[in-house]
Amino acid sequence: MRSPRRCSRNGCPRQAVATLTYVYNESTAVVGPLAAFAEPHTYDLCEPHARSLTAPRGWDVVRHEGEFEPPPPTTDDLVALAEAVREAARPA
């Protein structure tokens, strides 16, 4: 089974639930729900880091106001889990 994406902050072991994107030409940091795919130049954040992010002086932070939810399992995750359960249930 694929491991969940982790927070990009150094040393943080938590699961990512938000994505941080910098919009340089507008001096804005945008923190929104976790993007479907990890993209270059974006950062995955756990909830505590997403909520406490600050931006450099002169920059604005646009933050998602709702709850940050972990992503739902993908079909690949469910298939891998079903195969692992079948394998564990087989007689030795």
Protein backbone atom coordinates (compact mmCIF):
# COMPACT_ATOMS: atom_id res chain seq x y z
CA MET A 1 0.00 0.00 0.00
CA ARG A 2 1.28 3.45 -0.86
CA SER A 3 2.34 5.53 2.13
CA PRO A 4 0.48 8.80 2.66
CA ARG A 5 2.20 12.06 1.81
CA ARG A 6 4.00 13.58 4.76
CA CYS A 7 4.41 17.18 5.90
CA SER A 8 7.24 18.97 4.07
CA ARG A 9 8.52 20.65 7.23
CA ASN A 10 11.86 19.20 8.36
CA GLY A 11 11.47 16.58 11.04
CA CYS A 12 7.67 16.56 10.98
CA PRO A 13 6.28 13.00 10.78
CA ARG A 14 2.60 13.99 10.40
CA GLN A 15 0.40 13.22 7.40
CA ALA A 16 -0.10 16.11 4.98
CA VAL A 17 -3.62 17.57 4.73
CA ALA A 18 -2.89 20.92 3.04
CA THR A 19 -0.81 22.30 0.17
CA LEU A 20 1.15 25.55 0.31
CA THR A 21 1.74 27.47 -2.91
CA TYR A 22 3.60 30.75 -3.26
CA VAL A 23 2.33 33.28 -5.80
CA TYR A 24 5.48 35.35 -6.15
CA ASN A 25 4.16 38.07 -8.47
CA GLU A 26 1.40 38.84 -5.93
CA SER A 27 3.55 38.31 -2.79
CA THR A 28 1.00 35.81 -1.51
CA ALA A 29 1.21 32.42 0.19
CA VAL A 30 -1.86 30.25 -0.43
CA VAL A 31 -2.69 27.38 1.95
CA GLY A 32 -5.49 25.18 0.66
CA PRO A 33 -6.70 21.58 0.80
CA LEU A 34 -4.19 18.90 -0.17
CA ALA A 35 -3.61 18.86 -3.91
CA ALA A 36 -4.45 15.63 -5.73
CA PHE A 37 -0.82 15.20 -6.81
CA ALA A 38 2.48 16.40 -5.36
CA GLU A 39 3.72 19.19 -7.63
CA PRO A 40 7.12 20.82 -7.84
CA HIS A 41 7.24 24.22 -6.15
CA THR A 42 4.42 23.38 -3.73
CA TYR A 43 4.71 22.10 -0.17
CA ASP A 44 2.53 19.60 1.64
CA LEU A 45 1.72 20.56 5.24
CA CYS A 46 0.12 18.87 8.24
CA GLU A 47 -2.75 20.68 9.94
CA PRO A 48 -0.72 22.35 12.72
CA HIS A 49 1.81 23.73 10.22
CA ALA A 50 -0.93 24.78 7.78
CA ARG A 51 -2.75 26.69 10.53
CA SER A 52 0.36 28.37 11.97
CA LEU A 53 2.12 29.36 8.73
CA THR A 54 3.31 32.94 8.56
CA ALA A 55 4.60 34.76 5.48
CA PRO A 56 7.49 37.17 5.08
CA ARG A 57 6.88 40.84 5.86
CA GLY A 58 4.91 42.47 3.07
CA TRP A 59 3.33 39.19 1.97
CA ASP A 60 -0.27 38.08 2.44
CA VAL A 61 -1.45 34.64 3.51
CA VAL A 62 -4.66 33.27 1.99
CA ARG A 63 -5.75 30.30 4.07
CA HIS A 64 -8.52 27.75 3.59
CA GLU A 65 -11.10 28.46 6.31
CA GLY A 66 -12.70 25.01 6.48
CA GLU A 67 -11.44 21.81 8.02
CA PHE A 68 -8.40 20.14 6.53
CA GLU A 69 -9.30 16.51 5.85
CA PRO A 70 -6.87 13.71 5.03
CA PRO A 71 -7.30 12.53 1.46
CA PRO A 72 -9.63 9.57 0.91
CA PRO A 73 -7.98 6.26 0.02
CA THR A 74 -7.50 5.70 -3.68
CA THR A 75 -8.63 2.58 -5.50
CA ASP A 76 -5.00 1.43 -5.53
CA ASP A 77 -4.89 1.69 -1.73
CA LEU A 78 -8.11 -0.31 -1.37
CA VAL A 79 -6.94 -3.02 -3.77
CA ALA A 80 -3.60 -3.32 -1.95
CA LEU A 81 -5.40 -3.58 1.40
CA ALA A 82 -7.76 -6.27 0.08
CA GLU A 83 -4.81 -8.27 -1.28
CA ALA A 84 -2.97 -8.00 2.05
CA VAL A 85 -6.05 -9.26 3.93
CA ARG A 86 -6.45 -12.18 1.49
CA GLU A 87 -2.76 -13.07 1.85
CA ALA A 88 -2.97 -12.99 5.67
CA ALA A 89 -6.10 -15.21 5.63
CA ARG A 90 -4.51 -17.98 3.54
CA PRO A 91 -3.67 -21.15 5.47
CA ALA A 92 0.06 -21.66 6.07
